[in-house]
């Protein structure tokens, strides 16, 4: 492991160790117990590894880590599949990910698909979480991407710094935390890429919520689901979002929002009609 990944892995393991209560393993819990959650020696014993080795792992030392040991530690810390994947990603010794080249032909073809959706907000995100293509419906709901600068086109940046999103999305806090947990998964794979680290630095400086939640090390995969949205003039309605990942090397993801019911479809169309009338 390189130094940055070793440090990141150590911090993550400590945060998860502190969340495990001794009672889960029938260990004695003393009133004056100084350590939150399990002690390092308890994790070492339960995982079948030496205390020195586990301590070095949490300290971010440059040590060789076997898959068997990582499996054992993951079980002891009750990591879910996404968290375990995150641990294995950080523990692998490999060179930084080489940025994918945009496939211009693929993007042109995908743009035609976006335009054909018409009443369904849809956009394309690259490996940096930046919007690189969109349709009119997406602009009607999320803002005119044509007028945004490069930073504003970043999905994570908009969620945490665009104040209108706190009105557009019901349960904004829940959605923002989930998005951050999804970003953490990608961050682990790109921890040595300057762009990712610059974005994290900027968000730490610009968003109190990001600064508060980033150290929690919550991990979540990119799941499809339903978003409750609120338009100031049309009212509230529900949209199901689906993420379609490109199978080629372009690193592009198509995100499509579809109305859940006929009533939702009518309201979404009203949002599009209003946006179109205001921009003609």
Protein backbone atom coordinates (compact mmCIF):
# COMPACT_ATOMS: atom_id res chain seq x y z
CA UNK A 1 0.00 0.00 0.00
CA UNK A 2 1.14 3.56 -0.60
CA UNK A 3 1.19 6.08 2.25
CA UNK A 4 -2.10 7.80 1.41
CA UNK A 5 -4.05 4.57 1.03
CA UNK A 6 -2.47 3.12 4.17
CA UNK A 7 -3.50 6.20 6.15
CA UNK A 8 -7.02 6.17 4.71
CA UNK A 9 -7.42 2.46 5.52
CA UNK A 10 -6.20 2.95 9.09
CA UNK A 11 -8.63 5.77 9.77
CA UNK A 12 -11.53 3.83 8.28
CA UNK A 13 -10.81 0.72 10.38
CA UNK A 14 -10.64 2.83 13.54
CA UNK A 15 -14.00 4.47 12.83
CA UNK A 16 -15.59 1.06 12.33
CA UNK A 17 -13.92 -0.43 15.42
CA UNK A 18 -15.34 2.37 17.53
CA UNK A 19 -18.86 1.52 16.34
CA UNK A 20 -18.77 -2.10 17.56
CA UNK A 21 -20.06 -2.51 21.11
CA UNK A 22 -18.31 -5.09 23.37
CA UNK A 23 -21.68 -6.68 24.08
CA UNK A 24 -21.87 -7.87 20.47
CA UNK A 25 -19.08 -10.34 21.31
CA UNK A 26 -20.09 -10.96 24.93
CA UNK A 27 -17.10 -8.97 26.13
CA UNK A 28 -17.13 -7.21 29.49
CA UNK A 29 -18.06 -3.55 29.30
CA UNK A 30 -16.60 -1.52 32.12
CA UNK A 31 -18.13 1.75 33.25
CA UNK A 32 -14.78 3.52 32.94
CA UNK A 33 -13.82 1.95 29.64
CA UNK A 34 -11.62 4.52 27.88
CA UNK A 35 -12.02 3.17 24.36
CA UNK A 36 -15.14 3.70 22.27
CA UNK A 37 -16.32 0.38 20.91
CA UNK A 38 -13.81 -2.45 20.78
CA UNK A 39 -10.17 -2.22 21.83
CA UNK A 40 -7.45 -2.91 19.29
CA UNK A 41 -6.39 -6.05 21.15
CA UNK A 42 -9.98 -7.29 21.08
CA UNK A 43 -10.16 -6.86 17.31
CA UNK A 44 -6.81 -8.64 16.96
CA UNK A 45 -7.91 -11.63 19.07
CA UNK A 46 -11.30 -11.92 17.40
CA UNK A 47 -9.66 -11.72 13.95
CA UNK A 48 -6.83 -14.15 14.75
CA UNK A 49 -4.01 -11.70 14.07
CA UNK A 50 -1.27 -10.28 16.27
CA UNK A 51 -1.91 -7.08 18.21
CA UNK A 52 1.24 -5.49 16.76
CA UNK A 53 0.14 -6.22 13.21
CA UNK A 54 -3.37 -4.83 13.68
CA UNK A 55 -1.96 -1.75 15.45
CA UNK A 56 0.37 -1.11 12.52
CA UNK A 57 -2.59 -1.48 10.16
CA UNK A 58 -4.59 1.20 12.02
CA UNK A 59 -1.53 3.42 12.23
CA UNK A 60 -1.22 3.39 8.45
CA UNK A 61 2.11 1.55 8.40
CA UNK A 62 3.40 0.26 5.07
CA UNK A 63 2.81 -3.46 5.63
CA UNK A 64 1.76 -6.33 3.39
CA UNK A 65 -1.91 -7.20 3.82
CA UNK A 66 -3.28 -10.60 2.78
CA UNK A 67 -6.85 -11.12 1.61
CA UNK A 68 -7.37 -13.73 4.36
CA UNK A 69 -6.50 -11.27 7.10
CA UNK A 70 -8.65 -8.54 5.56
CA UNK A 71 -11.57 -10.98 5.40
CA UNK A 72 -11.13 -11.80 9.09
CA UNK A 73 -10.91 -8.15 10.17
CA UNK A 74 -13.92 -7.29 8.01
CA UNK A 75 -15.98 -10.00 9.71
CA UNK A 76 -14.92 -8.83 13.17
CA UNK A 77 -15.87 -5.24 12.38
CA UNK A 78 -19.19 -6.38 10.84
CA UNK A 79 -18.50 -4.60 7.56
CA UNK A 80 -21.15 -4.80 4.87
CA UNK A 81 -20.21 -5.77 1.32
CA UNK A 82 -19.66 -2.19 0.19
CA UNK A 83 -17.47 -1.37 3.20
CA UNK A 84 -15.46 -4.56 2.67
CA UNK A 85 -14.99 -3.64 -0.99
CA UNK A 86 -13.73 -0.24 0.15
CA UNK A 87 -11.19 -1.88 2.50
CA UNK A 88 -9.91 -4.20 -0.23
CA UNK A 89 -9.66 -1.28 -2.65
CA UNK A 90 -7.49 0.68 -0.24
CA UNK A 91 -5.35 -2.33 0.64
CA UNK A 92 -4.42 -3.14 -2.97
CA UNK A 93 -1.01 -2.01 -4.17
CA UNK A 94 -1.46 -0.62 -7.64
CA UNK A 95 -0.70 2.51 -9.62
CA UNK A 96 -3.20 5.39 -9.70
CA UNK A 97 -6.12 4.91 -12.05
CA UNK A 98 -5.46 6.30 -15.51
CA UNK A 99 -8.25 8.66 -16.59
CA UNK A 100 -10.54 7.20 -19.23
CA UNK A 101 -10.61 8.92 -22.61
CA UNK A 102 -14.00 10.20 -23.62
CA UNK A 103 -15.43 8.31 -26.56
CA UNK A 104 -16.84 11.16 -28.64
CA UNK A 105 -18.96 8.90 -30.79
CA UNK A 106 -20.51 7.25 -27.72
CA UNK A 107 -21.33 10.64 -26.22
CA UNK A 108 -22.98 11.83 -29.42
CA UNK A 109 -25.05 8.66 -29.58
CA UNK A 110 -26.03 8.93 -25.91
CA UNK A 111 -27.05 12.57 -26.40
CA UNK A 112 -29.57 11.43 -29.03
CA UNK A 113 -31.04 9.05 -26.46
CA UNK A 114 -31.32 11.88 -23.90
CA UNK A 115 -33.08 14.12 -26.40
CA UNK A 116 -35.54 11.37 -27.34
CA UNK A 117 -36.64 10.98 -23.71
CA UNK A 118 -38.21 14.46 -23.79
CA UNK A 119 -40.43 14.32 -20.66
CA UNK A 120 -37.87 12.37 -18.63
CA UNK A 121 -35.03 14.39 -17.04
CA UNK A 122 -31.77 12.70 -17.99
CA UNK A 123 -28.09 13.56 -17.97
CA UNK A 124 -24.67 11.93 -18.39
CA UNK A 125 -21.95 12.01 -15.73
CA UNK A 126 -18.25 11.31 -16.34
CA UNK A 127 -15.74 9.65 -14.01
CA UNK A 128 -15.20 12.98 -12.23
CA UNK A 129 -18.92 13.26 -11.36
CA UNK A 130 -19.30 16.10 -13.85
CA UNK A 131 -22.36 16.51 -16.10
CA UNK A 132 -21.16 16.29 -19.70
CA UNK A 133 -24.56 15.99 -21.45
CA UNK A 134 -28.22 16.58 -20.59
CA UNK A 135 -31.69 17.10 -22.05
CA UNK A 136 -34.18 19.96 -21.72
CA UNK A 137 -36.17 18.19 -19.02
CA UNK A 138 -33.04 17.95 -16.84
CA UNK A 139 -32.43 21.69 -17.23
CA UNK A 140 -36.06 22.40 -16.30
CA UNK A 141 -35.71 20.48 -13.06
CA UNK A 142 -32.08 20.92 -11.96
CA UNK A 143 -31.05 24.21 -13.58
CA UNK A 144 -29.68 25.29 -16.93
CA UNK A 145 -26.45 23.33 -17.35
CA UNK A 146 -25.47 25.52 -20.29
CA UNK A 147 -25.11 28.49 -17.93
CA UNK A 148 -23.09 26.61 -15.28
CA UNK A 149 -19.32 26.76 -14.97
CA UNK A 150 -17.27 23.56 -14.76
CA UNK A 151 -17.47 23.32 -10.97
CA UNK A 152 -21.21 23.92 -10.93
CA UNK A 153 -21.67 21.02 -13.33
CA UNK A 154 -20.27 18.66 -10.70
CA UNK A 155 -23.05 16.59 -9.12
CA UNK A 156 -21.55 16.51 -5.62
CA UNK A 157 -20.67 20.21 -5.64
CA UNK A 158 -24.21 21.21 -6.62
CA UNK A 159 -25.79 19.00 -3.99
CA UNK A 160 -23.80 20.61 -1.18
CA UNK A 161 -23.47 24.23 -2.35
CA UNK A 162 -26.57 25.00 -4.45
CA UNK A 163 -29.11 26.30 -1.97
CA UNK A 164 -32.02 25.65 -4.32
CA UNK A 165 -31.36 21.91 -4.05
CA UNK A 166 -32.37 22.04 -0.40
CA UNK A 167 -35.82 23.13 -1.64
CA UNK A 168 -36.01 20.93 -4.73
CA UNK A 169 -35.27 17.70 -2.86
CA UNK A 170 -37.39 16.55 0.03
CA UNK A 171 -35.17 14.87 2.64
CA UNK A 172 -32.17 16.80 1.29
CA UNK A 173 -30.00 15.78 4.23
CA UNK A 174 -30.62 12.07 3.67
CA UNK A 175 -29.96 12.36 -0.07
CA UNK A 176 -26.79 14.42 0.43
CA UNK A 177 -25.39 11.91 2.93
CA UNK A 178 -26.14 9.02 0.58
CA UNK A 179 -24.51 10.81 -2.34
CA UNK A 180 -21.45 11.51 -0.21
CA UNK A 181 -21.24 7.83 0.77
CA UNK A 182 -21.38 6.88 -2.93
CA UNK A 183 -18.63 9.39 -3.71
CA UNK A 184 -16.46 7.88 -0.94
CA UNK A 185 -16.48 4.60 -2.90
CA UNK A 186 -15.08 6.32 -6.00
CA UNK A 187 -12.68 8.39 -3.91
CA UNK A 188 -11.03 5.21 -2.58
CA UNK A 189 -10.22 4.18 -6.15
CA UNK A 190 -8.90 7.64 -7.09
CA UNK A 191 -7.24 8.79 -3.88
CA UNK A 192 -4.03 9.73 -5.71
CA UNK A 193 -5.75 11.79 -8.39
CA UNK A 194 -5.36 15.52 -7.79
CA UNK A 195 -8.81 16.39 -9.09
CA UNK A 196 -10.61 14.28 -6.48
CA UNK A 197 -8.51 15.73 -3.66
CA UNK A 198 -9.08 19.28 -4.87
CA UNK A 199 -12.84 18.71 -4.89
CA UNK A 200 -12.78 17.34 -1.34
CA UNK A 201 -10.71 20.33 -0.20
CA UNK A 202 -13.09 22.82 -1.84
CA UNK A 203 -16.15 21.15 -0.34
CA UNK A 204 -14.58 21.09 3.11
CA UNK A 205 -14.10 24.84 2.77
CA UNK A 206 -17.52 25.57 1.27
CA UNK A 207 -19.99 23.27 3.03
CA UNK A 208 -20.34 22.81 6.78
CA UNK A 209 -22.36 19.63 6.22
CA UNK A 210 -19.69 18.11 3.99
CA UNK A 211 -17.00 19.00 6.52
CA UNK A 212 -19.07 17.37 9.28
CA UNK A 213 -19.97 14.17 7.40
CA UNK A 214 -16.77 13.48 5.42
CA UNK A 215 -14.87 12.11 8.47
CA UNK A 216 -17.68 9.59 9.14
CA UNK A 217 -16.39 7.34 6.35
CA UNK A 218 -19.88 6.13 5.41
CA UNK A 219 -19.89 3.89 2.33
CA UNK A 220 -22.75 3.27 -0.08
CA UNK A 221 -23.00 1.87 -3.60
CA UNK A 222 -24.82 3.67 -6.40
CA UNK A 223 -28.37 2.42 -5.99
CA UNK A 224 -31.44 3.27 -8.02
CA UNK A 225 -34.37 4.72 -6.09
CA UNK A 226 -37.12 7.31 -5.81
CA UNK A 227 -36.61 11.01 -5.20
CA UNK A 228 -39.31 13.31 -3.89
CA UNK A 229 -38.93 16.69 -5.59
CA UNK A 230 -40.64 20.02 -5.01
CA UNK A 231 -41.13 22.71 -7.66
CA UNK A 232 -41.97 26.19 -6.27
CA UNK A 233 -44.81 26.66 -8.78
CA UNK A 234 -45.91 23.16 -9.77
CA UNK A 235 -45.71 21.45 -6.38
CA UNK A 236 -44.31 18.11 -5.26
CA UNK A 237 -44.04 14.87 -7.21
CA UNK A 238 -42.00 11.66 -7.31
CA UNK A 239 -39.37 10.50 -9.80
CA UNK A 240 -37.59 7.17 -9.99
CA UNK A 241 -33.93 7.47 -10.94
CA UNK A 242 -31.88 4.77 -12.66
CA UNK A 243 -28.14 4.75 -13.25
CA UNK A 244 -26.96 3.09 -16.47
CA UNK A 245 -23.20 2.54 -16.55
CA UNK A 246 -21.33 2.40 -19.84
CA UNK A 247 -19.67 -0.95 -20.53
CA UNK A 248 -16.89 0.60 -22.61
CA UNK A 249 -13.85 2.52 -21.35
CA UNK A 250 -15.51 5.95 -21.45
CA UNK A 251 -16.43 5.95 -17.75
CA UNK A 252 -19.80 7.52 -18.49
CA UNK A 253 -23.02 6.99 -16.52
CA UNK A 254 -26.49 7.84 -17.83
CA UNK A 255 -28.93 8.94 -15.12
CA UNK A 256 -32.63 8.90 -16.02
CA UNK A 257 -35.55 10.16 -13.92
CA UNK A 258 -39.00 8.72 -14.71
CA UNK A 259 -42.30 9.83 -13.12
CA UNK A 260 -43.66 7.23 -10.71
CA UNK A 261 -47.35 7.79 -11.49
CA UNK A 262 -49.50 9.49 -14.13
CA UNK A 263 -50.01 12.43 -11.77
CA UNK A 264 -46.23 12.74 -11.43
CA UNK A 265 -45.86 12.63 -15.23
CA UNK A 266 -48.35 15.49 -15.64
CA UNK A 267 -46.53 17.63 -13.09
CA UNK A 268 -43.14 16.91 -14.66
CA UNK A 269 -44.50 17.94 -18.05
CA UNK A 270 -45.83 21.14 -16.49
CA UNK A 271 -42.32 21.90 -15.17
CA UNK A 272 -40.88 21.40 -18.66
CA UNK A 273 -43.57 23.57 -20.28
CA UNK A 274 -42.97 26.36 -17.78
CA UNK A 275 -39.20 26.23 -18.31
CA UNK A 276 -39.64 26.24 -22.10
CA UNK A 277 -41.98 29.22 -22.05
CA UNK A 278 -39.60 31.19 -19.85
CA UNK A 279 -36.62 30.49 -22.12
CA UNK A 280 -38.19 31.18 -25.52
